[in-house]
Amino acid sequence: MPTISAFRGIRYDLGHVGSLSDVIAPPYDVIDPALQDELYKKHPANVVRLILNRDEPGDDEHSNRYSRAARFLRNWLREGVLFTEGDPAIYVYHQEFVERGQTFTRRGFMCRTRLEKFGEGNIHPHEETHGGAKADRFKLWKACRANLSQIFGLYPDPKNEAQNILEAAIVGQTPLIATDHLGTIHRVWPVTDISIINQVSALLAGKPVYIADGHHRYETALNLRDDLAAELNERGEELSPEHPANFVLMMCVSMSDEGMLVLPTHRLFRGLPAMTADELKAKLGDAFDTEPAGSGPDRAITLWEEIEAEGEQETLGLYTAEDDRWTLARLTEAGRSRMAEISADHCEEWQGLGVSILHRLLVDTLLAAPTLPAPKYVRTLDEVPVGLREGDAAGRDLTGQEGSGGRFELAALVMPATVEHIRAISNAGERMPAKSTFFFPKLLSGLVINPLE
């Protein structure tokens, strides 16, 4: 694993703000306008004002949401709303959540991790990124000179030895506690004991890290480091190896942690011509074995339970709006051969992913729609029937992108990639299609900030 280190994090002073639950927020990319408004109203120092400040009338190059975020950060530090940790620490972080009636706890720790360019070290991406999001985060982090949210990194540790050392260190210690808008309970313990930190660092030395979430933020951190190095170089100075900009705030979780769940992201497609289930079957040809699987938007719930129980990446649930019918589609040997032919530039593990099969084979090739607008990515199953019944008049997907509005002609229920898929595909130097994984719950912003100065 790349070098990890303790740091003097910036945290909320609870004596000043009261409840930590009032000032935290989920990551910026899952905050829609309604939630943004709710967070703004929740507390005048809610971290949303840093990670997703509102656009205001009259904004220009010099006064805008990025400059306002930087001003809030400076003012809150000066006023004592935020304070800097007295000693360097790593931060044990637990997330207690309920999924399908069962309670889980995901355990990890937040630290500084030395930046490495992808392909040149032991940090591996698993998904593609987009320029717009990176440009946005770059402007924000450069204005604030801080990492405002964590990267989510996975590392192999079959016996969870590193985390267990930290768990022993926090026994009897009182955590910082926050509950988010979805009911997930977040607990944080600063650990400042140098011997404990050294033990954890030694155990992780040489292990790879796979980025689970936060690819845009990681690449932003690299860009920010290079930008600062260029600024210093113009002045005849150099960026020292231990400068904070050479590191990024990362939440590290063992791939063997019992709370490590990967959930699906289903798809709702616009822009396709209307088609019935029979017409869809004809288009799929011999690449899939198909069978009728019921009708009506609500059938998505029970059909997904059947697909999940089957547990096969090659099985898809497909809904055609024209006749309100569901089709269960299973990849055939002919389909595998076709997939291998059209995806010869990818490894076998990539070719076998449900999301790869859906997008590369089914949508791009068999439905001949390679330029289709990005689908609406649905992260909770209940949203599938809602979306199919009501559509989305604004055409806004969960990443904030605008679509065309109107009826979703096709829905797809698709298995998520597993942690092992992430490892195999990343080790092959490849990246999965967008939204191949959904790591739940999301890591909170506002628990700790990593200063870059």
Protein backbone atom coordinates (compact mmCIF):
# COMPACT_ATOMS: atom_id res chain seq x y z
CA MET A 1 0.00 0.00 0.00
CA PRO A 2 1.26 3.53 -0.63
CA THR A 3 2.54 5.52 2.33
CA ILE A 4 -0.17 6.44 4.81
CA SER A 5 0.26 8.99 7.56
CA ALA A 6 -1.51 10.70 10.40
CA PHE A 7 -2.48 14.35 10.02
CA ARG A 8 -3.90 17.21 12.02
CA GLY A 9 -7.44 17.15 10.72
CA ILE A 10 -9.91 20.01 10.80
CA ARG A 11 -13.08 19.14 12.72
CA TYR A 12 -16.25 20.77 13.98
CA ASP A 13 -16.21 22.09 17.54
CA LEU A 14 -19.33 20.46 18.98
CA GLY A 15 -19.41 23.04 21.77
CA HIS A 16 -19.97 25.59 19.03
CA VAL A 17 -22.29 23.79 16.58
CA GLY A 18 -24.13 21.44 18.94
CA SER A 19 -25.02 18.17 17.18
CA LEU A 20 -22.62 16.77 14.60
CA SER A 21 -25.67 15.39 12.75
CA ASP A 22 -26.71 18.95 11.92
CA VAL A 23 -23.51 19.90 10.12
CA ILE A 24 -22.58 16.77 8.11
CA ALA A 25 -23.71 15.94 4.57
CA PRO A 26 -23.45 13.09 2.06
CA PRO A 27 -20.99 13.47 -0.86
CA TYR A 28 -21.76 16.34 -3.21
CA ASP A 29 -22.62 14.07 -6.15
CA VAL A 30 -25.65 12.52 -4.42
CA ILE A 31 -27.10 15.83 -3.20
CA ASP A 32 -30.05 16.92 -5.33
CA PRO A 33 -31.51 20.46 -5.12
CA ALA A 34 -34.13 19.45 -2.55
CA LEU A 35 -31.55 17.89 -0.22
CA GLN A 36 -29.20 20.82 -0.76
CA ASP A 37 -31.96 23.16 0.39
CA GLU A 38 -32.72 20.93 3.39
CA LEU A 39 -29.05 20.90 4.43
CA TYR A 40 -28.77 24.68 4.04
CA LYS A 41 -31.70 25.10 6.43
CA LYS A 42 -30.46 22.51 8.92
CA HIS A 43 -27.56 24.58 10.28
CA PRO A 44 -25.79 27.79 9.20
CA ALA A 45 -22.48 25.92 9.32
CA ASN A 46 -23.54 22.76 7.50
CA VAL A 47 -20.69 21.43 5.39
CA VAL A 48 -22.88 21.61 2.27
CA ARG A 49 -21.83 25.28 2.12
CA LEU A 50 -18.31 24.02 1.48
CA ILE A 51 -18.81 20.96 -0.72
CA LEU A 52 -21.78 22.21 -2.78
CA ASN A 53 -22.27 25.93 -2.35
CA ARG A 54 -25.19 27.44 -4.24
CA ASP A 55 -24.85 29.51 -7.35
CA GLU A 56 -25.99 33.08 -6.70
CA PRO A 57 -27.16 35.90 -9.00
CA GLY A 58 -24.26 38.04 -10.08
CA ASP A 59 -21.63 35.31 -9.74
CA ASP A 60 -18.54 35.93 -11.82
CA GLU A 61 -14.96 34.75 -12.17
CA HIS A 62 -13.92 36.31 -8.86
CA SER A 63 -17.03 35.87 -6.71
CA ASN A 64 -18.76 32.52 -7.02
CA ARG A 65 -19.66 29.36 -5.16
CA TYR A 66 -16.01 28.29 -4.94
CA SER A 67 -14.82 31.57 -3.45
CA ARG A 68 -17.77 31.55 -1.03
CA ALA A 69 -16.86 28.05 0.13
CA ALA A 70 -13.27 29.15 0.76
CA ARG A 71 -14.50 32.18 2.67
CA PHE A 72 -16.79 30.05 4.84
CA LEU A 73 -13.90 27.69 5.62
CA ARG A 74 -11.60 30.56 6.64
CA ASN A 75 -14.29 32.28 8.70
CA TRP A 76 -15.36 29.12 10.50
CA LEU A 77 -11.75 28.42 11.47
CA ARG A 78 -11.29 31.96 12.72
CA GLU A 79 -14.60 31.93 14.63
CA GLY A 80 -13.97 28.55 16.26
CA VAL A 81 -16.74 26.71 14.42
CA LEU A 82 -13.94 24.48 13.15
CA PHE A 83 -10.66 23.67 14.89
CA THR A 84 -7.45 21.89 13.96
CA GLU A 85 -6.57 18.68 15.79
CA GLY A 86 -3.88 19.18 18.41
CA ASP A 87 -1.89 16.06 17.45
CA PRO A 88 -1.59 14.14 14.19
CA ALA A 89 -4.21 11.40 14.07
CA ILE A 90 -5.77 8.74 11.95
CA TYR A 91 -9.52 8.46 12.38
CA VAL A 92 -11.30 5.15 12.96
CA TYR A 93 -14.65 5.34 11.19
CA HIS A 94 -17.62 2.99 11.64
CA GLN A 95 -20.88 3.12 9.68
CA GLU A 96 -23.85 1.24 11.12
CA PHE A 97 -26.65 0.73 8.61
CA VAL A 98 -29.62 -1.45 7.77
CA GLU A 99 -29.94 -3.22 4.44
CA ARG A 100 -33.03 -5.34 3.80
CA GLY A 101 -33.79 -5.65 7.48
CA GLN A 102 -30.28 -6.69 8.53
CA THR A 103 -27.92 -4.42 10.48
CA PHE A 104 -24.32 -4.13 9.30
CA THR A 105 -21.27 -2.19 10.48
CA ARG A 106 -18.59 -1.23 8.01
CA ARG A 107 -15.25 -0.44 9.67
CA GLY A 108 -12.33 1.52 8.33
CA PHE A 109 -10.05 4.45 9.05
CA MET A 110 -9.29 7.83 7.51
CA CYS A 111 -5.72 8.93 6.91
CA ARG A 112 -3.52 10.78 4.48
CA THR A 113 -2.36 8.59 1.60
CA ARG A 114 0.55 9.54 -0.64
CA LEU A 115 -0.62 10.25 -4.18
CA GLU A 116 0.50 8.04 -7.05
CA LYS A 117 -0.42 8.34 -10.69
CA PHE A 118 -2.56 5.49 -11.92
CA GLY A 119 -0.42 2.84 -13.56
CA GLU A 120 2.75 3.94 -11.78
CA GLY A 121 2.24 2.57 -8.30
CA ASN A 122 -0.06 0.58 -6.06
CA ILE A 123 -3.24 2.67 -6.30
CA HIS A 124 -5.71 1.34 -8.86
CA PRO A 125 -8.90 2.86 -10.31
CA HIS A 126 -11.85 0.71 -11.32
CA GLU A 127 -14.22 3.12 -13.09
CA GLU A 128 -14.03 5.71 -15.85
CA THR A 129 -14.13 9.42 -14.95
CA HIS A 130 -15.55 12.52 -16.64
CA GLY A 131 -13.87 15.87 -17.13
CA GLY A 132 -16.71 18.06 -15.87
CA ALA A 133 -16.72 16.66 -12.35
CA LYS A 134 -12.93 16.90 -12.09
CA ALA A 135 -12.93 20.53 -13.22
CA ASP A 136 -15.58 21.37 -10.64
CA ARG A 137 -13.72 19.72 -7.74
CA PHE A 138 -10.43 21.26 -8.87
CA LYS A 139 -11.85 24.78 -8.63
CA LEU A 140 -13.29 24.04 -5.18
CA TRP A 141 -10.24 22.36 -3.66
CA LYS A 142 -7.88 24.95 -5.10
CA ALA A 143 -9.97 27.76 -3.60
CA CYS A 144 -10.23 26.03 -0.21
CA ARG A 145 -6.74 24.47 -0.15
CA ALA A 146 -8.25 21.39 1.48
CA ASN A 147 -9.66 17.92 0.78
CA LEU A 148 -13.27 18.37 1.86
CA SER A 149 -14.30 14.74 1.30
CA GLN A 150 -12.59 11.36 1.47
CA ILE A 151 -11.53 8.96 -1.25
CA PHE A 152 -12.87 5.45 -0.54
CA GLY A 153 -10.05 2.89 -0.85
CA LEU A 154 -10.13 -0.88 -0.48
CA TYR A 155 -7.11 -2.96 0.48
CA PRO A 156 -6.58 -6.73 0.86
CA ASP A 157 -6.28 -7.90 4.47
CA PRO A 158 -7.87 -11.38 4.81
CA LYS A 159 -7.68 -11.39 8.61
CA ASN A 160 -8.47 -7.67 9.05
CA GLU A 161 -5.28 -7.33 11.09
CA ALA A 162 -4.81 -3.60 10.58
CA GLN A 163 -8.37 -2.72 11.51
CA ASN A 164 -8.29 -5.02 14.54
CA ILE A 165 -5.29 -3.13 15.93
CA LEU A 166 -7.27 0.08 15.67
CA GLU A 167 -10.37 -1.52 17.19
CA ALA A 168 -8.35 -2.51 20.25
CA ALA A 169 -7.00 1.03 20.52
CA ILE A 170 -10.45 2.63 20.74
CA VAL A 171 -11.96 0.30 23.34
CA GLY A 172 -13.53 2.43 26.05
CA GLN A 173 -13.14 5.64 24.07
CA THR A 174 -16.17 7.86 23.38
CA PRO A 175 -16.80 8.35 19.65
CA LEU A 176 -18.04 11.34 17.74
CA ILE A 177 -21.51 10.35 16.49
CA ALA A 178 -23.64 11.60 13.61
CA THR A 179 -26.80 10.23 12.00
CA ASP A 180 -27.38 11.08 8.35
CA HIS A 181 -30.61 11.73 6.45
CA LEU A 182 -30.96 8.03 5.60
CA GLY A 183 -30.61 6.87 9.20
CA THR A 184 -27.06 5.53 8.96
CA ILE A 185 -25.11 6.02 12.19
CA HIS A 186 -21.53 7.25 11.76
CA ARG A 187 -18.96 6.97 14.57
CA VAL A 188 -15.45 8.42 14.54
CA TRP A 189 -12.52 8.05 16.97
CA PRO A 190 -9.26 10.02 16.53
CA VAL A 191 -6.23 7.81 17.22
CA THR A 192 -3.05 9.73 18.03
CA ASP A 193 -0.90 6.96 19.56
CA ILE A 194 2.24 6.91 17.38
CA SER A 195 2.99 3.23 18.09
CA ILE A 196 -0.51 2.20 16.93
CA ILE A 197 -0.23 4.32 13.79
CA ASN A 198 3.20 2.81 13.02
CA GLN A 199 1.87 -0.73 13.46
CA VAL A 200 -0.98 -0.10 11.04
CA SER A 201 1.35 1.55 8.52
CA ALA A 202 3.73 -1.39 8.66
CA LEU A 203 0.95 -3.94 8.14
CA LEU A 204 -0.32 -2.12 5.06
CA ALA A 205 3.08 -1.54 3.48
CA GLY A 206 3.24 -3.04 0.00
CA LYS A 207 -0.49 -3.77 -0.25
CA PRO A 208 -2.44 -2.42 -3.25
CA VAL A 209 -5.32 0.03 -2.88
CA TYR A 210 -8.36 -0.13 -5.13
CA ILE A 211 -10.45 3.02 -5.34
CA ALA A 212 -14.04 2.10 -4.59
CA ASP A 213 -15.50 5.60 -4.78
CA GLY A 214 -14.08 9.06 -5.39
CA HIS A 215 -12.21 8.56 -8.67
CA HIS A 216 -12.91 12.15 -9.71
CA ARG A 217 -11.64 13.45 -6.38
CA TYR A 218 -8.50 11.34 -6.55
CA GLU A 219 -7.63 12.60 -10.02
CA THR A 220 -8.44 16.11 -8.81
CA ALA A 221 -5.90 15.68 -6.01
CA LEU A 222 -3.27 14.69 -8.58
CA ASN A 223 -4.12 17.70 -10.73
CA LEU A 224 -4.00 20.02 -7.73
CA ARG A 225 -0.58 18.69 -6.70
CA ASP A 226 0.77 19.22 -10.22
CA ASP A 227 -0.74 22.70 -10.38
CA LEU A 228 0.90 23.71 -7.10
CA ALA A 229 4.23 22.23 -8.20
CA ALA A 230 4.04 24.30 -11.38
CA GLU A 231 3.31 27.46 -9.38
CA LEU A 232 6.33 26.84 -7.16
CA ASN A 233 8.52 26.00 -10.12
CA GLU A 234 7.74 29.38 -11.70
CA ARG A 235 9.13 30.97 -8.53
CA GLY A 236 12.22 28.77 -8.60
CA GLU A 237 10.95 26.60 -5.73
CA GLU A 238 10.10 22.93 -5.43
CA LEU A 239 7.21 21.05 -3.85
CA SER A 240 8.74 19.17 -0.93
CA PRO A 241 8.04 15.43 -0.73
CA GLU A 242 6.18 15.86 2.57
CA HIS A 243 4.03 18.79 1.47
CA PRO A 244 0.35 18.01 2.25
CA ALA A 245 -0.54 18.37 -1.44
CA ASN A 246 1.39 15.14 -2.09
CA PHE A 247 -1.27 13.31 -0.08
CA VAL A 248 -5.04 12.88 -0.20
CA LEU A 249 -7.63 12.14 2.47
CA MET A 250 -8.65 8.49 2.16
CA MET A 251 -11.00 6.14 3.98
CA CYS A 252 -9.33 2.71 3.98
CA VAL A 253 -11.50 -0.40 4.33
CA SER A 254 -10.40 -4.02 4.26
CA MET A 255 -11.85 -6.00 1.37
CA SER A 256 -12.68 -8.68 3.96
CA ASP A 257 -14.66 -6.42 6.27
CA GLU A 258 -18.03 -7.95 7.14
CA GLY A 259 -19.81 -4.68 6.42
CA MET A 260 -18.35 -4.38 2.92
CA LEU A 261 -21.43 -4.51 0.67
CA VAL A 262 -21.60 -3.68 -3.02
CA LEU A 263 -25.13 -2.86 -4.20
CA PRO A 264 -26.51 -2.67 -7.75
CA THR A 265 -27.18 0.42 -9.84
CA HIS A 266 -30.09 -0.29 -12.17
CA ARG A 267 -30.71 1.62 -15.40
CA LEU A 268 -33.66 3.46 -16.95
CA PHE A 269 -33.13 4.31 -20.63
CA ARG A 270 -34.56 7.10 -22.76
CA GLY A 271 -33.97 7.75 -26.44
CA LEU A 272 -34.69 4.25 -27.72
CA PRO A 273 -37.57 3.65 -30.12
CA ALA A 274 -40.64 2.15 -28.50
CA MET A 275 -40.58 -1.64 -28.58
CA THR A 276 -42.56 -4.53 -27.16
CA ALA A 277 -41.12 -7.53 -25.34
CA ASP A 278 -41.50 -9.61 -28.53
CA GLU A 279 -39.63 -6.99 -30.54
CA LEU A 280 -36.90 -6.88 -27.88
CA LYS A 281 -36.59 -10.68 -28.03
CA ALA A 282 -36.16 -10.51 -31.80
CA LYS A 283 -33.42 -7.91 -31.49
CA LEU A 284 -31.55 -10.00 -28.92
CA GLY A 285 -31.56 -12.97 -31.29
CA ASP A 286 -29.48 -15.96 -30.26
CA ALA A 287 -27.30 -13.90 -27.89
CA PHE A 288 -29.80 -14.35 -25.05
CA ASP A 289 -32.29 -16.95 -23.93
CA THR A 290 -35.40 -15.01 -22.94
CA GLU A 291 -38.56 -15.77 -21.02
CA PRO A 292 -41.58 -13.67 -20.02
CA ALA A 293 -41.22 -12.41 -16.46
CA GLY A 294 -44.47 -10.64 -15.65
CA SER A 295 -45.81 -7.17 -16.15
CA GLY A 296 -46.17 -3.82 -14.43
CA PRO A 297 -43.57 -1.53 -12.84
CA ASP A 298 -43.98 -3.09 -9.39
CA ARG A 299 -42.84 -6.47 -10.71
CA ALA A 300 -39.29 -5.00 -10.57
CA ILE A 301 -39.14 -5.72 -6.83
CA THR A 302 -39.81 -9.45 -6.90
CA LEU A 303 -38.03 -9.99 -10.20
CA TRP A 304 -34.87 -8.47 -8.76
CA GLU A 305 -35.11 -10.85 -5.79
CA GLU A 306 -35.12 -13.75 -8.26
CA ILE A 307 -32.18 -12.37 -10.25
CA GLU A 308 -30.19 -11.68 -7.08
CA ALA A 309 -30.86 -15.20 -5.79
CA GLU A 310 -29.62 -16.61 -9.11
CA GLY A 311 -26.48 -14.51 -8.65
CA GLU A 312 -25.32 -14.56 -12.28
CA GLN A 313 -23.71 -11.52 -13.94
CA GLU A 314 -25.07 -12.78 -17.26
CA THR A 315 -28.74 -12.53 -16.20
CA LEU A 316 -30.62 -9.29 -16.85
CA GLY A 317 -34.16 -8.15 -16.11
CA LEU A 318 -35.53 -5.98 -18.95
CA TYR A 319 -38.72 -3.91 -19.04
CA THR A 320 -40.35 -2.61 -22.23
CA ALA A 321 -42.62 0.36 -21.61
CA GLU A 322 -44.57 -0.10 -24.87
CA ASP A 323 -46.33 -3.21 -23.56
CA ASP A 324 -45.56 -2.90 -19.82
CA ARG A 325 -43.82 -6.28 -19.76
CA TRP A 326 -40.70 -7.71 -18.14
CA THR A 327 -38.32 -10.14 -19.83
CA LEU A 328 -35.69 -12.29 -18.14
CA ALA A 329 -32.64 -12.51 -20.41
CA ARG A 330 -29.73 -14.92 -19.92
CA LEU A 331 -26.58 -14.72 -22.01
CA THR A 332 -26.01 -17.73 -24.28
CA GLU A 333 -22.80 -19.24 -25.59
CA ALA A 334 -23.41 -17.38 -28.83
CA GLY A 335 -23.77 -14.19 -26.79
CA ARG A 336 -20.49 -14.84 -24.99
CA SER A 337 -18.74 -15.31 -28.31
CA ARG A 338 -20.22 -12.09 -29.66
CA MET A 339 -19.24 -10.24 -26.49
CA ALA A 340 -15.67 -11.53 -26.74
CA GLU A 341 -15.54 -10.42 -30.37
CA ILE A 342 -16.76 -6.86 -29.79
CA SER A 343 -14.80 -6.48 -26.52
CA ALA A 344 -11.49 -7.98 -27.57
CA ASP A 345 -9.78 -4.91 -26.13
CA HIS A 346 -10.89 -5.91 -22.64
CA CYS A 347 -9.99 -8.75 -20.29
CA GLU A 348 -12.24 -11.75 -19.70
CA GLU A 349 -13.41 -10.44 -16.31
CA TRP A 350 -14.54 -7.15 -17.91
CA GLN A 351 -16.38 -9.03 -20.65
CA GLY A 352 -18.27 -11.05 -18.05
CA LEU A 353 -19.60 -8.10 -16.04
CA GLY A 354 -23.35 -7.60 -16.13
CA VAL A 355 -22.98 -3.87 -16.80
CA SER A 356 -20.51 -4.57 -19.64
CA ILE A 357 -22.87 -7.07 -21.21
CA LEU A 358 -25.78 -4.66 -20.85
CA HIS A 359 -24.06 -1.64 -22.37
CA ARG A 360 -21.55 -3.05 -24.87
CA LEU A 361 -23.50 -6.03 -26.18
CA LEU A 362 -27.19 -5.35 -25.60
CA VAL A 363 -27.54 -1.57 -25.97
CA ASP A 364 -24.61 -0.59 -28.21
CA THR A 365 -24.60 -3.63 -30.49
CA LEU A 366 -27.90 -5.54 -30.51
CA LEU A 367 -30.10 -2.46 -30.10
CA ALA A 368 -27.69 -0.44 -32.28
CA ALA A 369 -27.77 2.56 -29.92
CA PRO A 370 -24.11 3.37 -29.08
CA THR A 371 -24.82 7.12 -28.86
CA LEU A 372 -27.79 6.78 -26.53
CA PRO A 373 -27.93 9.47 -23.80
CA ALA A 374 -26.67 8.36 -20.39
CA PRO A 375 -29.39 6.40 -18.59
CA LYS A 376 -30.90 7.34 -15.29
CA TYR A 377 -28.88 5.44 -12.69
CA VAL A 378 -31.16 4.07 -10.00
CA ARG A 379 -29.52 3.24 -6.70
CA THR A 380 -32.53 2.00 -4.73
CA LEU A 381 -34.86 -0.66 -6.09
CA ASP A 382 -37.99 1.23 -5.03
CA GLU A 383 -37.07 3.98 -7.49
CA VAL A 384 -37.42 1.63 -10.47
CA PRO A 385 -41.24 1.31 -10.41
CA VAL A 386 -41.58 4.96 -9.43
CA GLY A 387 -39.47 6.03 -12.41
CA LEU A 388 -41.34 3.75 -14.79
CA ARG A 389 -44.75 5.01 -13.66
CA GLU A 390 -43.93 8.68 -13.42
CA GLY A 391 -40.91 9.23 -15.68
CA ASP A 392 -38.84 12.30 -14.85
CA ALA A 393 -40.17 15.45 -16.42
CA ALA A 394 -36.92 17.32 -15.76
CA GLY A 395 -34.87 14.53 -17.25
CA ARG A 396 -32.33 14.84 -14.43
CA ASP A 397 -30.45 11.69 -13.53
CA LEU A 398 -28.84 11.00 -10.18
CA THR A 399 -25.53 12.49 -11.28
CA GLY A 400 -27.23 15.81 -11.97
CA GLN A 401 -27.06 15.47 -15.74
CA GLU A 402 -29.99 16.73 -17.79
CA GLY A 403 -31.77 14.40 -20.16
CA SER A 404 -34.66 14.77 -22.57
CA GLY A 405 -37.53 13.99 -20.20
CA GLY A 406 -40.42 11.75 -21.14
CA ARG A 407 -41.02 8.02 -20.83
CA PHE A 408 -38.28 5.54 -20.07
CA GLU A 409 -38.59 3.07 -22.95
CA LEU A 410 -36.39 0.42 -21.37
CA ALA A 411 -35.39 -0.52 -17.83
CA ALA A 412 -32.61 -2.92 -16.93
CA LEU A 413 -32.02 -4.72 -13.64
CA VAL A 414 -28.35 -5.69 -13.50
CA MET A 415 -26.09 -7.41 -10.98
CA PRO A 416 -23.40 -5.28 -9.30
CA ALA A 417 -19.72 -5.98 -9.75
CA THR A 418 -18.12 -7.65 -6.74
CA VAL A 419 -15.03 -6.68 -4.78
CA GLU A 420 -13.20 -9.49 -6.56
CA HIS A 421 -14.21 -8.04 -9.94
CA ILE A 422 -12.71 -4.73 -8.83
CA ARG A 423 -9.46 -6.43 -7.89
CA ALA A 424 -9.18 -8.50 -11.10
CA ILE A 425 -10.12 -5.76 -13.55
CA SER A 426 -7.99 -3.13 -11.80
CA ASN A 427 -5.00 -5.49 -11.74
CA ALA A 428 -5.45 -5.92 -15.49
CA GLY A 429 -5.03 -2.16 -15.86
CA GLU A 430 -8.62 -1.66 -16.99
CA ARG A 431 -11.65 0.24 -15.76
CA MET A 432 -15.27 -0.81 -15.49
CA PRO A 433 -18.15 0.99 -17.19
CA ALA A 434 -19.56 3.92 -15.22
CA LYS A 435 -21.74 3.08 -12.22
CA SER A 436 -20.70 -0.59 -12.13
CA THR A 437 -20.70 -0.48 -8.35
CA PHE A 438 -22.62 1.28 -5.61
CA PHE A 439 -20.93 1.22 -2.23
CA PHE A 440 -23.51 1.79 0.48
CA PRO A 441 -23.55 3.69 2.72
CA LYS A 442 -21.80 6.76 1.37
CA LEU A 443 -18.99 8.32 3.39
CA LEU A 444 -20.01 11.52 5.13
CA SER A 445 -18.49 14.90 4.42
CA GLY A 446 -17.85 17.07 7.47
CA LEU A 447 -16.37 14.49 9.81
CA VAL A 448 -12.81 15.59 9.15
CA ILE A 449 -11.18 17.89 6.59
CA ASN A 450 -7.62 17.47 5.32
CA PRO A 451 -5.80 20.82 5.01
CA LEU A 452 -3.43 21.13 2.06
CA GLU A 453 -1.37 23.96 3.54
